[in-house]
Amino acid sequence: MLRRLSLVIVGMLLLVAQSSWALTVELWGEWPPALRAAYIVGILDDWERLVAFEGGAAEPSSPVEGIANLVACLKASEMHYAEIVDLVESWAGRHPGSEGEVMADLVRKAIEQSCQDQDEEDPRSQI
């Protein structure tokens, strides 16, 4: 119980924190392609570990539940890391006003949109 409460508190703090050390989209865009890809892969691995640490059963409406849903979507889509990196880079290119945004937030938004698009294309989601 204490572990879940701690995770929820940390997750909530991460959602509202606007720290000065957070990587911006603009700075990320200046990095070489391999380093940009490594950053995105690191986020994805962290998400998967967070969900595994939570035991895969996040409390409804918890910050971890949203991450768990994204991880499940990515696994169901069977996208490879390179495809996910391309997806995020494409999203960043289509949203030129996002240079000052926190890069981790852009990664989340790009994947959320991709998952929503997959749900709309999947006839099973319309049932």
C-alpha atoms as a PDB file:
ATOM      1  CA  MET A   1       0.000   0.000   0.000  1.00  0.00           C
ATOM      2  CA  LEU A   2       2.781   2.411   0.926  1.00  0.00           C
ATOM      3  CA  ARG A   3       4.579   1.566  -2.321  1.00  0.00           C
ATOM      4  CA  ARG A   4       1.491   2.403  -4.386  1.00  0.00           C
ATOM      5  CA  LEU A   5       0.919   5.611  -2.490  1.00  0.00           C
ATOM      6  CA  SER A   6       4.543   6.591  -3.077  1.00  0.00           C
ATOM      7  CA  LEU A   7       4.235   5.848  -6.797  1.00  0.00           C
ATOM      8  CA  VAL A   8       1.036   7.864  -7.057  1.00  0.00           C
ATOM      9  CA  ILE A   9       2.624  10.825  -5.269  1.00  0.00           C
ATOM     10  CA  VAL A  10       5.737  10.691  -7.441  1.00  0.00           C
ATOM     11  CA  GLY A  11       3.599  10.378 -10.563  1.00  0.00           C
ATOM     12  CA  MET A  12       1.469  13.349  -9.572  1.00  0.00           C
ATOM     13  CA  LEU A  13       4.549  15.439  -8.866  1.00  0.00           C
ATOM     14  CA  LEU A  14       5.989  14.508 -12.243  1.00  0.00           C
ATOM     15  CA  LEU A  15       2.770  15.510 -13.968  1.00  0.00           C
ATOM     16  CA  VAL A  16       2.714  18.992 -12.470  1.00  0.00           C
ATOM     17  CA  ALA A  17       6.436  19.688 -12.237  1.00  0.00           C
ATOM     18  CA  GLN A  18       7.956  22.085 -14.733  1.00  0.00           C
ATOM     19  CA  SER A  19      11.581  21.770 -13.818  1.00  0.00           C
ATOM     20  CA  SER A  20      14.326  23.779 -15.403  1.00  0.00           C
ATOM     21  CA  TRP A  21      16.346  20.628 -16.101  1.00  0.00           C
ATOM     22  CA  ALA A  22      13.709  18.947 -18.239  1.00  0.00           C
ATOM     23  CA  LEU A  23      14.820  18.344 -21.812  1.00  0.00           C
ATOM     24  CA  THR A  24      12.957  20.530 -24.299  1.00  0.00           C
ATOM     25  CA  VAL A  25      11.935  19.514 -27.788  1.00  0.00           C
ATOM     26  CA  GLU A  26      14.217  22.230 -29.169  1.00  0.00           C
ATOM     27  CA  LEU A  27      17.322  20.905 -27.403  1.00  0.00           C
ATOM     28  CA  TRP A  28      16.435  17.293 -28.272  1.00  0.00           C
ATOM     29  CA  GLY A  29      16.148  18.316 -31.936  1.00  0.00           C
ATOM     30  CA  GLU A  30      19.755  19.548 -31.868  1.00  0.00           C
ATOM     31  CA  TRP A  31      21.074  16.129 -30.838  1.00  0.00           C
ATOM     32  CA  PRO A  32      22.419  13.611 -33.370  1.00  0.00           C
ATOM     33  CA  PRO A  33      19.828  11.033 -34.543  1.00  0.00           C
ATOM     34  CA  ALA A  34      21.295   8.163 -32.490  1.00  0.00           C
ATOM     35  CA  LEU A  35      21.128  10.186 -29.276  1.00  0.00           C
ATOM     36  CA  ARG A  36      17.555  11.324 -30.013  1.00  0.00           C
ATOM     37  CA  ALA A  37      16.550   7.694 -30.584  1.00  0.00           C
ATOM     38  CA  ALA A  38      18.308   6.575 -27.385  1.00  0.00           C
ATOM     39  CA  TYR A  39      16.387   9.173 -25.387  1.00  0.00           C
ATOM     40  CA  ILE A  40      13.030   7.930 -26.712  1.00  0.00           C
ATOM     41  CA  VAL A  41      13.962   4.282 -26.125  1.00  0.00           C
ATOM     42  CA  GLY A  42      14.964   5.201 -22.560  1.00  0.00           C
ATOM     43  CA  ILE A  43      11.531   6.708 -21.935  1.00  0.00           C
ATOM     44  CA  LEU A  44       9.811   3.594 -23.308  1.00  0.00           C
ATOM     45  CA  ASP A  45      11.959   1.286 -21.179  1.00  0.00           C
ATOM     46  CA  ASP A  46      11.257   3.397 -18.094  1.00  0.00           C
ATOM     47  CA  TRP A  47       7.529   3.202 -18.753  1.00  0.00           C
ATOM     48  CA  GLU A  48       7.673  -0.567 -19.074  1.00  0.00           C
ATOM     49  CA  ARG A  49       9.688  -0.907 -15.855  1.00  0.00           C
ATOM     50  CA  LEU A  50       7.287   1.411 -14.006  1.00  0.00           C
ATOM     51  CA  VAL A  51       4.331  -0.726 -15.074  1.00  0.00           C
ATOM     52  CA  ALA A  52       6.185  -3.920 -14.129  1.00  0.00           C
ATOM     53  CA  PHE A  53       7.104  -2.432 -10.747  1.00  0.00           C
ATOM     54  CA  GLU A  54       3.456  -1.559 -10.179  1.00  0.00           C
ATOM     55  CA  GLY A  55       2.619  -5.181 -10.936  1.00  0.00           C
ATOM     56  CA  GLY A  56       0.675  -4.360 -14.072  1.00  0.00           C
ATOM     57  CA  ALA A  57      -2.397  -3.523 -11.990  1.00  0.00           C
ATOM     58  CA  ALA A  58      -2.386   0.245 -11.599  1.00  0.00           C
ATOM     59  CA  GLU A  59      -5.158   1.840  -9.616  1.00  0.00           C
ATOM     60  CA  PRO A  60      -7.866   3.331 -11.856  1.00  0.00           C
ATOM     61  CA  SER A  61      -7.259   7.038 -12.464  1.00  0.00           C
ATOM     62  CA  SER A  62      -3.675   6.822 -11.215  1.00  0.00           C
ATOM     63  CA  PRO A  63      -0.859   8.399 -13.247  1.00  0.00           C
ATOM     64  CA  VAL A  64       0.568   4.911 -13.750  1.00  0.00           C
ATOM     65  CA  GLU A  65      -2.688   3.723 -15.333  1.00  0.00           C
ATOM     66  CA  GLY A  66      -2.179   6.087 -18.289  1.00  0.00           C
ATOM     67  CA  ILE A  67       1.359   4.833 -18.771  1.00  0.00           C
ATOM     68  CA  ALA A  68       0.162   1.223 -18.449  1.00  0.00           C
ATOM     69  CA  ASN A  69      -2.389   1.860 -21.199  1.00  0.00           C
ATOM     70  CA  LEU A  70       0.296   3.284 -23.492  1.00  0.00           C
ATOM     71  CA  VAL A  71       2.617   0.341 -22.821  1.00  0.00           C
ATOM     72  CA  ALA A  72      -0.219  -2.101 -23.566  1.00  0.00           C
ATOM     73  CA  CYS A  73      -1.037  -0.241 -26.786  1.00  0.00           C
ATOM     74  CA  LEU A  74       2.585  -0.323 -27.940  1.00  0.00           C
ATOM     75  CA  LYS A  75       2.860  -4.031 -27.204  1.00  0.00           C
ATOM     76  CA  ALA A  76      -0.388  -4.746 -29.054  1.00  0.00           C
ATOM     77  CA  SER A  77       0.770  -2.725 -32.062  1.00  0.00           C
ATOM     78  CA  GLU A  78       4.028  -4.735 -32.194  1.00  0.00           C
ATOM     79  CA  MET A  79       5.883  -1.585 -33.255  1.00  0.00           C
ATOM     80  CA  HIS A  80       9.662  -1.786 -33.114  1.00  0.00           C
ATOM     81  CA  TYR A  81      11.737   0.901 -31.424  1.00  0.00           C
ATOM     82  CA  ALA A  82      12.749   2.374 -34.790  1.00  0.00           C
ATOM     83  CA  GLU A  83       9.099   2.761 -35.773  1.00  0.00           C
ATOM     84  CA  ILE A  84       8.283   4.461 -32.478  1.00  0.00           C
ATOM     85  CA  VAL A  85      11.242   6.832 -32.880  1.00  0.00           C
ATOM     86  CA  ASP A  86       9.995   7.668 -36.403  1.00  0.00           C
ATOM     87  CA  LEU A  87       6.504   8.256 -34.997  1.00  0.00           C
ATOM     88  CA  VAL A  88       7.800  10.684 -32.359  1.00  0.00           C
ATOM     89  CA  GLU A  89      10.072  12.507 -34.802  1.00  0.00           C
ATOM     90  CA  SER A  90       7.182  12.825 -37.248  1.00  0.00           C
ATOM     91  CA  TRP A  91       4.927  14.193 -34.490  1.00  0.00           C
ATOM     92  CA  ALA A  92       7.575  16.752 -33.531  1.00  0.00           C
ATOM     93  CA  GLY A  93       7.870  17.813 -37.175  1.00  0.00           C
ATOM     94  CA  ARG A  94       4.100  18.293 -37.491  1.00  0.00           C
ATOM     95  CA  HIS A  95       3.969  20.433 -34.332  1.00  0.00           C
ATOM     96  CA  PRO A  96       6.546  23.166 -34.894  1.00  0.00           C
ATOM     97  CA  GLY A  97       5.196  25.293 -32.022  1.00  0.00           C
ATOM     98  CA  SER A  98       6.268  22.694 -29.470  1.00  0.00           C
ATOM     99  CA  GLU A  99       9.965  23.632 -29.247  1.00  0.00           C
ATOM    100  CA  GLY A 100       9.705  24.776 -25.621  1.00  0.00           C
ATOM    101  CA  GLU A 101       7.673  21.747 -24.558  1.00  0.00           C
ATOM    102  CA  VAL A 102       9.145  19.047 -22.340  1.00  0.00           C
ATOM    103  CA  MET A 103      10.326  16.231 -24.605  1.00  0.00           C
ATOM    104  CA  ALA A 104       8.895  13.466 -22.412  1.00  0.00           C
ATOM    105  CA  ASP A 105       5.449  15.087 -22.762  1.00  0.00           C
ATOM    106  CA  LEU A 106       5.797  15.178 -26.539  1.00  0.00           C
ATOM    107  CA  VAL A 107       6.684  11.470 -26.580  1.00  0.00           C
ATOM    108  CA  ARG A 108       3.560  10.715 -24.527  1.00  0.00           C
ATOM    109  CA  LYS A 109       1.319  12.849 -26.772  1.00  0.00           C
ATOM    110  CA  ALA A 110       2.668  11.285 -29.964  1.00  0.00           C
ATOM    111  CA  ILE A 111       2.087   7.758 -28.672  1.00  0.00           C
ATOM    112  CA  GLU A 112      -1.342   8.618 -27.240  1.00  0.00           C
ATOM    113  CA  GLN A 113      -2.407   9.961 -30.648  1.00  0.00           C
ATOM    114  CA  SER A 114      -1.062   6.876 -32.399  1.00  0.00           C
ATOM    115  CA  CYS A 115      -2.973   4.623 -29.999  1.00  0.00           C
ATOM    116  CA  GLN A 116      -6.174   6.635 -30.530  1.00  0.00           C
ATOM    117  CA  ASP A 117      -5.716   6.360 -34.294  1.00  0.00           C
ATOM    118  CA  GLN A 118      -5.235   2.581 -33.966  1.00  0.00           C
ATOM    119  CA  ASP A 119      -8.424   2.305 -31.897  1.00  0.00           C
ATOM    120  CA  GLU A 120     -10.387   4.207 -34.540  1.00  0.00           C
ATOM    121  CA  GLU A 121      -9.065   1.904 -37.274  1.00  0.00           C
ATOM    122  CA  ASP A 122      -9.731  -1.300 -35.311  1.00  0.00           C
ATOM    123  CA  PRO A 123     -13.299  -2.470 -35.924  1.00  0.00           C
ATOM    124  CA  ARG A 124     -13.203  -4.351 -32.597  1.00  0.00           C
ATOM    125  CA  SER A 125     -12.943  -1.013 -30.751  1.00  0.00           C
ATOM    126  CA  GLN A 126     -16.228   0.103 -32.304  1.00  0.00           C
ATOM    127  CA  ILE A 127     -18.211  -2.711 -30.664  1.00  0.00           C
END
